[in-house]
Structures are given as structure tokens and as C-alpha cells.
C-alpha atoms as a PDB file:
ATOM      1  CA  UNK A   1       0.674  15.096  19.704  1.00  0.00           C
ATOM      2  CA  UNK A   2       3.449  12.594  19.252  1.00  0.00           C
ATOM      3  CA  UNK A   3       4.767  10.827  16.193  1.00  0.00           C
ATOM      4  CA  UNK A   4       2.783   7.652  16.923  1.00  0.00           C
ATOM      5  CA  UNK A   5      -0.444   9.664  17.055  1.00  0.00           C
ATOM      6  CA  UNK A   6       0.166  11.360  13.720  1.00  0.00           C
ATOM      7  CA  UNK A   7       1.231   8.180  11.950  1.00  0.00           C
ATOM      8  CA  UNK A   8      -1.005   5.626  13.604  1.00  0.00           C
ATOM      9  CA  UNK A   9       1.869   3.604  15.024  1.00  0.00           C
ATOM     10  CA  UNK A  10       1.263   1.309  18.009  1.00  0.00           C
ATOM     11  CA  UNK A  11       2.954  -1.535  19.820  1.00  0.00           C
ATOM     12  CA  UNK A  12       1.634  -4.517  17.880  1.00  0.00           C
ATOM     13  CA  UNK A  13       3.430  -6.249  15.019  1.00  0.00           C
ATOM     14  CA  UNK A  14       2.070  -5.459  11.600  1.00  0.00           C
ATOM     15  CA  UNK A  15       3.087  -4.402   8.102  1.00  0.00           C
ATOM     16  CA  UNK A  16       6.535  -2.876   7.760  1.00  0.00           C
ATOM     17  CA  UNK A  17       6.616   0.760   8.871  1.00  0.00           C
ATOM     18  CA  UNK A  18       9.341   3.106  10.031  1.00  0.00           C
ATOM     19  CA  UNK A  19       9.741   6.808  10.632  1.00  0.00           C
ATOM     20  CA  UNK A  20      13.393   6.996   9.546  1.00  0.00           C
ATOM     21  CA  UNK A  21      14.849   9.247   6.898  1.00  0.00           C
ATOM     22  CA  UNK A  22      16.641   7.386   4.067  1.00  0.00           C
ATOM     23  CA  UNK A  23      18.850   8.555   1.223  1.00  0.00           C
ATOM     24  CA  UNK A  24      15.913   8.080  -1.185  1.00  0.00           C
ATOM     25  CA  UNK A  25      13.329   9.782   1.061  1.00  0.00           C
ATOM     26  CA  UNK A  26      11.707  12.778  -0.666  1.00  0.00           C
ATOM     27  CA  UNK A  27      13.133  16.160   0.315  1.00  0.00           C
ATOM     28  CA  UNK A  28      10.964  19.247   0.826  1.00  0.00           C
ATOM     29  CA  UNK A  29      11.606  21.727  -2.008  1.00  0.00           C
ATOM     30  CA  UNK A  30      12.263  24.653   0.394  1.00  0.00           C
ATOM     31  CA  UNK A  31      11.944  25.692   4.045  1.00  0.00           C
ATOM     32  CA  UNK A  32       8.519  27.220   3.506  1.00  0.00           C
ATOM     33  CA  UNK A  33       7.002  24.063   1.963  1.00  0.00           C
ATOM     34  CA  UNK A  34       4.120  22.484   3.892  1.00  0.00           C
ATOM     35  CA  UNK A  35       2.348  19.281   2.966  1.00  0.00           C
ATOM     36  CA  UNK A  36       2.905  15.577   2.422  1.00  0.00           C
ATOM     37  CA  UNK A  37       5.222  14.222  -0.275  1.00  0.00           C
ATOM     38  CA  UNK A  38       5.846  10.598  -1.359  1.00  0.00           C
ATOM     39  CA  UNK A  39       8.252   8.737  -3.610  1.00  0.00           C
ATOM     40  CA  UNK A  40       8.490   5.174  -4.847  1.00  0.00           C
ATOM     41  CA  UNK A  41      10.244   3.284  -7.629  1.00  0.00           C
ATOM     42  CA  UNK A  42       8.494   3.575 -11.017  1.00  0.00           C
ATOM     43  CA  UNK A  43       8.671  -0.212 -11.337  1.00  0.00           C
ATOM     44  CA  UNK A  44       8.791  -2.891  -8.638  1.00  0.00           C
ATOM     45  CA  UNK A  45       9.335  -6.603  -9.102  1.00  0.00           C
ATOM     46  CA  UNK A  46       7.462  -8.708  -6.548  1.00  0.00           C
ATOM     47  CA  UNK A  47       8.787 -12.182  -5.803  1.00  0.00           C
ATOM     48  CA  UNK A  48       9.133 -14.526  -2.839  1.00  0.00           C
ATOM     49  CA  UNK A  49      12.515 -12.911  -2.199  1.00  0.00           C
ATOM     50  CA  UNK A  50      11.117  -9.368  -2.589  1.00  0.00           C
ATOM     51  CA  UNK A  51       7.531  -9.347  -1.267  1.00  0.00           C
ATOM     52  CA  UNK A  52       7.271  -5.604  -0.516  1.00  0.00           C
ATOM     53  CA  UNK A  53       6.620  -2.379  -2.375  1.00  0.00           C
ATOM     54  CA  UNK A  54       8.211   0.375  -0.291  1.00  0.00           C
ATOM     55  CA  UNK A  55       6.885   3.900  -0.376  1.00  0.00           C
ATOM     56  CA  UNK A  56       8.822   6.682   1.290  1.00  0.00           C
ATOM     57  CA  UNK A  57       7.442  10.006   2.381  1.00  0.00           C
ATOM     58  CA  UNK A  58       7.921  13.182   4.314  1.00  0.00           C
ATOM     59  CA  UNK A  59       5.531  15.646   5.853  1.00  0.00           C
ATOM     60  CA  UNK A  60       5.817  19.193   7.138  1.00  0.00           C
ATOM     61  CA  UNK A  61       2.623  20.668   8.571  1.00  0.00           C
ATOM     62  CA  UNK A  62       1.961  24.042  10.194  1.00  0.00           C
ATOM     63  CA  UNK A  63       0.558  23.721  13.670  1.00  0.00           C
ATOM     64  CA  UNK A  64      -2.614  25.579  12.787  1.00  0.00           C
ATOM     65  CA  UNK A  65      -3.249  22.932  10.070  1.00  0.00           C
ATOM     66  CA  UNK A  66      -2.145  19.968  12.164  1.00  0.00           C
ATOM     67  CA  UNK A  67      -4.729  17.167  11.905  1.00  0.00           C
ATOM     68  CA  UNK A  68      -4.085  15.783  15.428  1.00  0.00           C
ATOM     69  CA  UNK A  69      -6.669  12.968  15.336  1.00  0.00           C
ATOM     70  CA  UNK A  70      -5.994  11.864  11.753  1.00  0.00           C
ATOM     71  CA  UNK A  71      -3.770   8.957  10.810  1.00  0.00           C
ATOM     72  CA  UNK A  72      -1.595   8.642   7.751  1.00  0.00           C
ATOM     73  CA  UNK A  73      -3.687   6.889   5.088  1.00  0.00           C
ATOM     74  CA  UNK A  74      -2.192   5.305   1.976  1.00  0.00           C
ATOM     75  CA  UNK A  75      -4.347   4.923  -1.130  1.00  0.00           C
ATOM     76  CA  UNK A  76      -3.526   2.958  -4.328  1.00  0.00           C
ATOM     77  CA  UNK A  77      -5.767   3.019  -7.412  1.00  0.00           C
ATOM     78  CA  UNK A  78      -5.330   0.169  -9.911  1.00  0.00           C
ATOM     79  CA  UNK A  79      -5.137   2.143 -13.164  1.00  0.00           C
ATOM     80  CA  UNK A  80      -6.702  -0.611 -15.276  1.00  0.00           C
ATOM     81  CA  UNK A  81      -9.475  -1.925 -13.032  1.00  0.00           C
ATOM     82  CA  UNK A  82     -10.103   1.366 -11.159  1.00  0.00           C
ATOM     83  CA  UNK A  83     -10.224  -0.614  -7.889  1.00  0.00           C
ATOM     84  CA  UNK A  84      -9.046   1.440  -4.948  1.00  0.00           C
ATOM     85  CA  UNK A  85      -7.096  -0.007  -2.010  1.00  0.00           C
ATOM     86  CA  UNK A  86      -6.555   2.004   1.182  1.00  0.00           C
ATOM     87  CA  UNK A  87      -5.181   1.506   4.648  1.00  0.00           C
ATOM     88  CA  UNK A  88      -3.620   3.277   7.597  1.00  0.00           C
ATOM     89  CA  UNK A  89       0.179   3.293   7.599  1.00  0.00           C
ATOM     90  CA  UNK A  90       1.916   2.087  10.707  1.00  0.00           C
ATOM     91  CA  UNK A  91       1.202  -0.636  13.184  1.00  0.00           C
ATOM     92  CA  UNK A  92      -2.256  -0.899  14.624  1.00  0.00           C
ATOM     93  CA  UNK A  93      -2.934  -0.624  18.356  1.00  0.00           C
ATOM     94  CA  UNK A  94      -4.078  -4.083  19.582  1.00  0.00           C
ATOM     95  CA  UNK A  95      -6.213  -2.620  22.381  1.00  0.00           C
ATOM     96  CA  UNK A  96      -8.849  -0.700  20.469  1.00  0.00           C
ATOM     97  CA  UNK A  97     -11.438  -1.383  23.195  1.00  0.00           C
ATOM     98  CA  UNK A  98      -9.487   0.723  25.665  1.00  0.00           C
ATOM     99  CA  UNK A  99      -9.536   4.343  24.465  1.00  0.00           C
ATOM    100  CA  UNK A 100      -6.566   6.605  25.046  1.00  0.00           C
ATOM    101  CA  UNK A 101      -7.049   9.209  27.744  1.00  0.00           C
ATOM    102  CA  UNK A 102      -7.827  12.617  26.256  1.00  0.00           C
ATOM    103  CA  UNK A 103      -4.950  15.036  25.952  1.00  0.00           C
ATOM    104  CA  UNK A 104      -5.415  18.616  27.031  1.00  0.00           C
ATOM    105  CA  UNK A 105      -5.901  20.905  24.035  1.00  0.00           C
ATOM    106  CA  UNK A 106      -2.743  22.809  23.042  1.00  0.00           C
ATOM    107  CA  UNK A 107      -2.555  26.576  23.348  1.00  0.00           C
ATOM    108  CA  UNK A 108      -3.758  27.838  19.909  1.00  0.00           C
ATOM    109  CA  UNK A 109      -1.185  30.649  19.834  1.00  0.00           C
ATOM    110  CA  UNK A 110       1.696  28.260  20.467  1.00  0.00           C
ATOM    111  CA  UNK A 111       0.270  25.715  18.049  1.00  0.00           C
ATOM    112  CA  UNK A 112       0.100  28.314  15.232  1.00  0.00           C
ATOM    113  CA  UNK A 113       3.869  28.867  15.540  1.00  0.00           C
ATOM    114  CA  UNK A 114       4.760  25.176  15.501  1.00  0.00           C
ATOM    115  CA  UNK A 115       5.723  23.017  12.522  1.00  0.00           C
ATOM    116  CA  UNK A 116       5.390  19.238  12.667  1.00  0.00           C
ATOM    117  CA  UNK A 117       7.696  17.313  10.336  1.00  0.00           C
ATOM    118  CA  UNK A 118       9.070  13.853   9.812  1.00  0.00           C
ATOM    119  CA  UNK A 119       9.482  10.882   7.507  1.00  0.00           C
ATOM    120  CA  UNK A 120       7.679   7.626   6.887  1.00  0.00           C
ATOM    121  CA  UNK A 121       8.331   4.360   5.065  1.00  0.00           C
ATOM    122  CA  UNK A 122       5.665   1.709   4.523  1.00  0.00           C
ATOM    123  CA  UNK A 123       5.062  -1.522   2.659  1.00  0.00           C
ATOM    124  CA  UNK A 124       2.130  -1.020   0.277  1.00  0.00           C
ATOM    125  CA  UNK A 125       1.570  -4.783  -0.256  1.00  0.00           C
ATOM    126  CA  UNK A 126       0.868  -5.537   3.422  1.00  0.00           C
ATOM    127  CA  UNK A 127      -0.659  -2.187   4.386  1.00  0.00           C
ATOM    128  CA  UNK A 128      -3.148  -2.156   1.507  1.00  0.00           C
ATOM    129  CA  UNK A 129      -3.466  -5.931   1.037  1.00  0.00           C
ATOM    130  CA  UNK A 130      -2.587  -5.636  -2.624  1.00  0.00           C
ATOM    131  CA  UNK A 131      -3.098  -8.789  -4.676  1.00  0.00           C
ATOM    132  CA  UNK A 132       0.000 -10.626  -5.945  1.00  0.00           C
ATOM    133  CA  UNK A 133      -0.674  -9.759  -9.613  1.00  0.00           C
ATOM    134  CA  UNK A 134       0.847  -7.501 -12.246  1.00  0.00           C
ATOM    135  CA  UNK A 135      -0.708  -4.038 -12.118  1.00  0.00           C
ATOM    136  CA  UNK A 136      -0.047  -0.346 -12.363  1.00  0.00           C
ATOM    137  CA  UNK A 137      -1.059   1.707  -9.325  1.00  0.00           C
ATOM    138  CA  UNK A 138      -1.443   5.434  -8.806  1.00  0.00           C
ATOM    139  CA  UNK A 139      -0.529   5.971  -5.133  1.00  0.00           C
ATOM    140  CA  UNK A 140      -1.024   8.859  -2.749  1.00  0.00           C
ATOM    141  CA  UNK A 141      -0.856   9.551   0.982  1.00  0.00           C
ATOM    142  CA  UNK A 142      -3.450  11.490   2.958  1.00  0.00           C
ATOM    143  CA  UNK A 143      -3.110  13.074   6.375  1.00  0.00           C
ATOM    144  CA  UNK A 144      -6.597  14.353   7.153  1.00  0.00           C
ATOM    145  CA  UNK A 145      -7.432  16.895   4.439  1.00  0.00           C
ATOM    146  CA  UNK A 146      -3.769  17.133   3.340  1.00  0.00           C
ATOM    147  CA  UNK A 147      -3.152  15.053   0.195  1.00  0.00           C
ATOM    148  CA  UNK A 148       0.278  14.194  -1.196  1.00  0.00           C
ATOM    149  CA  UNK A 149       1.478  14.072  -4.750  1.00  0.00           C
ATOM    150  CA  UNK A 150       0.600  10.968  -6.788  1.00  0.00           C
ATOM    151  CA  UNK A 151       3.261   8.437  -7.817  1.00  0.00           C
ATOM    152  CA  UNK A 152       2.740   5.675 -10.390  1.00  0.00           C
ATOM    153  CA  UNK A 153       4.135   2.226  -9.669  1.00  0.00           C
ATOM    154  CA  UNK A 154       4.188  -0.602 -12.186  1.00  0.00           C
ATOM    155  CA  UNK A 155       4.200  -3.994 -10.458  1.00  0.00           C
ATOM    156  CA  UNK A 156       5.845  -6.966 -12.158  1.00  0.00           C
ATOM    157  CA  UNK A 157       5.573 -10.517 -10.738  1.00  0.00           C
ATOM    158  CA  UNK A 158       8.416 -13.003 -10.884  1.00  0.00           C
END
């Protein structure tokens, strides 16, 4: 159960993705908090010089709720058209035809005492294939059954 497994990261080039903490990454409200939290600017200007909409997030998940086989999914709903865009954050593994060898199941008692946590940063434009048009999106992240807060992003084109 490594970071690449939880976030869907692989070796191939793809949309921008990193697992680094930044000054503007969301911070868990307290040590007991568990879940997924995202943040993004309320307004983003897209242009040839700035072609990305960055979303930053953090997760802290109890081991007994850890969705080991799930990948981090980003979802954006166009508020006006109600069209939904979704995609897996992180780079995609180019060798999908060769399955990973199965990992031995973890000890349930040890797993219950563990907490998995980290950060993520992704480009919504490339990950979700958003159209280059003005819009307002309501965005969330999902890790299996665990759903983040929603953020609203107004996109302006220049």
C-alpha cells in the first residue's frame, strides 16, 4: 500500500501531478480529522501562458477505512450546463495489460491502528480534459467512498 497505489501514480508522462505539500495546501483541522480535503483558487485565468487549474489536497485515512484498490478521482461539475467531468489524478501506468502481482493482505489488527496521510496537487484541465471556455465548476475529490469538500472555481479565458 504505497503512495503510488493510493494516488494512481505510475511511470508514464501525463497531466501534472505531485504529492508534495505546499504553503497553500489545505491543513487538517485537528489531529483526529480523517478524510480528504481540497482547495483551489476561487477564480482562475486560463491563457497560453497559464494553461492549468491547480487543485491541492490532503488526505488522512484510518487504516480500517483505507481503500487500498481505489485511486484518487477528481470530479468537476459545470454549474451552468450540469456536465460532469471526471478522471483519475496522477500519471497512468502505460502497461495496463500486465497486472501487478497481488500483495499479501495486511494484518487487520495492525491496519486498524495505522493512519495513511499525504498531499496531492493536480492540474484539472489536463486530468479532466476540461474545455478551454469560461465556466464555473464545483470540484471534489473522491477516494473510494471517501468524498472531499466541494470547491467552486470560476474559469476566465484570456
